[in-house]
Amino acid sequence: MAVIFFLSAQPSLDSGLGDWDLILRKLAHMAEFGLLALLWWRALGSPGPAVALALVYAASDEWHQTFVTGRHGTPTDWVIDAAGVAVAISLAAWRLRASRARWR
């Protein structure tokens, strides 16, 4: 969470790659918040609270960005973060179910 906060506090993370920069940054956001949800799941032992914590932190991250010069937080970016959480949790749950089924 500290890494996300630090990166969100930077005025610009533009790499100069044009459209690729936008796509890569959005994918990075999905990965960051997906990983955050997985880490919370591991820490708490339950996916529900982990998802809730990751989504609340994603909302606070977008709000934080509204105070950083050169950055802006948007509901669309929150949805992108939420998609990363959904994909990561879904894949992890699928893998866990498949692993349990294999051991039966």
C-alpha atoms as a PDB file:
ATOM      1  CA  MET A   1       0.000   0.000   0.000  1.00  0.00           C
ATOM      2  CA  ALA A   2       2.926   2.308   0.689  1.00  0.00           C
ATOM      3  CA  VAL A   3       4.312   1.677  -2.811  1.00  0.00           C
ATOM      4  CA  ILE A   4       0.946   2.516  -4.363  1.00  0.00           C
ATOM      5  CA  PHE A   5       0.739   5.685  -2.255  1.00  0.00           C
ATOM      6  CA  PHE A   6       4.276   6.695  -3.241  1.00  0.00           C
ATOM      7  CA  LEU A   7       3.647   6.163  -6.949  1.00  0.00           C
ATOM      8  CA  SER A   8       0.337   8.019  -6.762  1.00  0.00           C
ATOM      9  CA  ALA A   9       2.114  10.990  -5.191  1.00  0.00           C
ATOM     10  CA  GLN A  10       4.361  11.429  -8.240  1.00  0.00           C
ATOM     11  CA  PRO A  11       3.324  14.370 -10.461  1.00  0.00           C
ATOM     12  CA  SER A  12       3.850  12.359 -13.643  1.00  0.00           C
ATOM     13  CA  LEU A  13       4.675   8.800 -14.531  1.00  0.00           C
ATOM     14  CA  ASP A  14       4.534   9.426 -18.276  1.00  0.00           C
ATOM     15  CA  SER A  15       7.127   7.344 -20.099  1.00  0.00           C
ATOM     16  CA  GLY A  16       6.687   9.100 -23.425  1.00  0.00           C
ATOM     17  CA  LEU A  17       5.391   5.981 -25.163  1.00  0.00           C
ATOM     18  CA  GLY A  18       2.131   7.596 -26.260  1.00  0.00           C
ATOM     19  CA  ASP A  19      -0.859   5.242 -26.332  1.00  0.00           C
ATOM     20  CA  TRP A  20       1.285   2.376 -25.036  1.00  0.00           C
ATOM     21  CA  ASP A  21       2.038   4.455 -21.933  1.00  0.00           C
ATOM     22  CA  LEU A  22      -1.674   4.725 -21.151  1.00  0.00           C
ATOM     23  CA  ILE A  23      -2.317   1.023 -21.761  1.00  0.00           C
ATOM     24  CA  LEU A  24       0.684  -0.093 -19.716  1.00  0.00           C
ATOM     25  CA  ARG A  25      -0.201   2.214 -16.813  1.00  0.00           C
ATOM     26  CA  LYS A  26      -3.780   0.909 -16.708  1.00  0.00           C
ATOM     27  CA  LEU A  27      -2.538  -2.700 -16.792  1.00  0.00           C
ATOM     28  CA  ALA A  28      -0.077  -1.853 -14.009  1.00  0.00           C
ATOM     29  CA  HIS A  29      -2.947  -0.454 -11.925  1.00  0.00           C
ATOM     30  CA  MET A  30      -4.921  -3.648 -12.462  1.00  0.00           C
ATOM     31  CA  ALA A  31      -1.914  -5.726 -11.436  1.00  0.00           C
ATOM     32  CA  GLU A  32      -1.161  -3.570  -8.374  1.00  0.00           C
ATOM     33  CA  PHE A  33      -4.644  -3.768  -6.955  1.00  0.00           C
ATOM     34  CA  GLY A  34      -5.050  -7.425  -7.911  1.00  0.00           C
ATOM     35  CA  LEU A  35      -1.851  -8.210  -6.019  1.00  0.00           C
ATOM     36  CA  LEU A  36      -3.011  -6.095  -3.084  1.00  0.00           C
ATOM     37  CA  ALA A  37      -6.250  -8.096  -2.877  1.00  0.00           C
ATOM     38  CA  LEU A  38      -4.343 -11.388  -3.040  1.00  0.00           C
ATOM     39  CA  LEU A  39      -1.980 -10.275  -0.277  1.00  0.00           C
ATOM     40  CA  TRP A  40      -4.906  -9.232   1.905  1.00  0.00           C
ATOM     41  CA  TRP A  41      -6.589 -12.591   1.212  1.00  0.00           C
ATOM     42  CA  ARG A  42      -3.454 -14.376   2.338  1.00  0.00           C
ATOM     43  CA  ALA A  43      -3.180 -12.197   5.460  1.00  0.00           C
ATOM     44  CA  LEU A  44      -6.843 -12.436   6.438  1.00  0.00           C
ATOM     45  CA  GLY A  45      -7.646 -15.926   5.177  1.00  0.00           C
ATOM     46  CA  SER A  46     -10.846 -14.833   3.457  1.00  0.00           C
ATOM     47  CA  PRO A  47     -11.432 -13.258   0.042  1.00  0.00           C
ATOM     48  CA  GLY A  48     -14.432 -11.094   1.029  1.00  0.00           C
ATOM     49  CA  PRO A  49     -12.677  -8.711   3.408  1.00  0.00           C
ATOM     50  CA  ALA A  50      -9.615  -8.725   1.127  1.00  0.00           C
ATOM     51  CA  VAL A  51     -11.697  -7.518  -1.817  1.00  0.00           C
ATOM     52  CA  ALA A  52     -13.373  -4.878   0.338  1.00  0.00           C
ATOM     53  CA  LEU A  53     -10.040  -3.554   1.629  1.00  0.00           C
ATOM     54  CA  ALA A  54      -8.521  -3.437  -1.870  1.00  0.00           C
ATOM     55  CA  LEU A  55     -11.546  -1.601  -3.295  1.00  0.00           C
ATOM     56  CA  VAL A  56     -11.648   0.931  -0.463  1.00  0.00           C
ATOM     57  CA  TYR A  57      -7.926   1.545  -0.871  1.00  0.00           C
ATOM     58  CA  ALA A  58      -8.396   1.942  -4.643  1.00  0.00           C
ATOM     59  CA  ALA A  59     -11.049   4.606  -3.972  1.00  0.00           C
ATOM     60  CA  SER A  60      -8.775   6.377  -1.489  1.00  0.00           C
ATOM     61  CA  ASP A  61      -5.947   6.211  -4.044  1.00  0.00           C
ATOM     62  CA  GLU A  62      -8.077   7.935  -6.659  1.00  0.00           C
ATOM     63  CA  TRP A  63      -9.082  10.585  -4.126  1.00  0.00           C
ATOM     64  CA  HIS A  64      -5.422  11.044  -3.136  1.00  0.00           C
ATOM     65  CA  GLN A  65      -4.504  11.665  -6.767  1.00  0.00           C
ATOM     66  CA  THR A  66      -6.914  14.620  -6.918  1.00  0.00           C
ATOM     67  CA  PHE A  67      -4.536  16.460  -4.559  1.00  0.00           C
ATOM     68  CA  VAL A  68      -1.389  15.750  -6.600  1.00  0.00           C
ATOM     69  CA  THR A  69      -0.417  18.330  -9.213  1.00  0.00           C
ATOM     70  CA  GLY A  70      -0.461  16.747 -12.657  1.00  0.00           C
ATOM     71  CA  ARG A  71      -2.605  13.797 -11.546  1.00  0.00           C
ATOM     72  CA  HIS A  72      -6.325  13.240 -11.367  1.00  0.00           C
ATOM     73  CA  GLY A  73      -8.431  10.527  -9.843  1.00  0.00           C
ATOM     74  CA  THR A  74     -11.468   9.315 -11.734  1.00  0.00           C
ATOM     75  CA  PRO A  75     -14.267   6.805 -11.206  1.00  0.00           C
ATOM     76  CA  THR A  76     -13.130   5.120 -14.427  1.00  0.00           C
ATOM     77  CA  ASP A  77      -9.693   4.499 -12.929  1.00  0.00           C
ATOM     78  CA  TRP A  78     -11.369   3.005  -9.849  1.00  0.00           C
ATOM     79  CA  VAL A  79     -13.297   0.628 -12.126  1.00  0.00           C
ATOM     80  CA  ILE A  80     -10.003  -0.396 -13.758  1.00  0.00           C
ATOM     81  CA  ASP A  81      -8.520  -1.050 -10.308  1.00  0.00           C
ATOM     82  CA  ALA A  82     -11.636  -3.033  -9.361  1.00  0.00           C
ATOM     83  CA  ALA A  83     -11.321  -5.095 -12.529  1.00  0.00           C
ATOM     84  CA  GLY A  84      -7.799  -6.027 -11.494  1.00  0.00           C
ATOM     85  CA  VAL A  85      -9.091  -7.112  -8.093  1.00  0.00           C
ATOM     86  CA  ALA A  86     -11.868  -9.165  -9.705  1.00  0.00           C
ATOM     87  CA  VAL A  87      -9.536 -10.895 -12.156  1.00  0.00           C
ATOM     88  CA  ALA A  88      -6.914 -11.721  -9.507  1.00  0.00           C
ATOM     89  CA  ILE A  89      -9.410 -13.022  -6.949  1.00  0.00           C
ATOM     90  CA  SER A  90     -11.298 -15.013  -9.590  1.00  0.00           C
ATOM     91  CA  LEU A  91      -8.144 -16.641 -10.920  1.00  0.00           C
ATOM     92  CA  ALA A  92      -6.896 -17.447  -7.431  1.00  0.00           C
ATOM     93  CA  ALA A  93     -10.267 -18.913  -6.399  1.00  0.00           C
ATOM     94  CA  TRP A  94     -10.403 -20.984  -9.601  1.00  0.00           C
ATOM     95  CA  ARG A  95      -6.889 -22.287  -8.983  1.00  0.00           C
ATOM     96  CA  LEU A  96      -7.729 -23.098  -5.368  1.00  0.00           C
ATOM     97  CA  ARG A  97     -10.877 -25.014  -6.410  1.00  0.00           C
ATOM     98  CA  ALA A  98      -8.943 -26.909  -9.097  1.00  0.00           C
ATOM     99  CA  SER A  99      -6.218 -27.798  -6.612  1.00  0.00           C
ATOM    100  CA  ARG A 100      -8.720 -29.056  -4.038  1.00  0.00           C
ATOM    101  CA  ALA A 101     -10.565 -31.084  -6.696  1.00  0.00           C
ATOM    102  CA  ARG A 102      -7.310 -32.713  -7.775  1.00  0.00           C
ATOM    103  CA  TRP A 103      -6.611 -33.862  -4.193  1.00  0.00           C
ATOM    104  CA  ARG A 104     -10.042 -35.478  -3.768  1.00  0.00           C
END
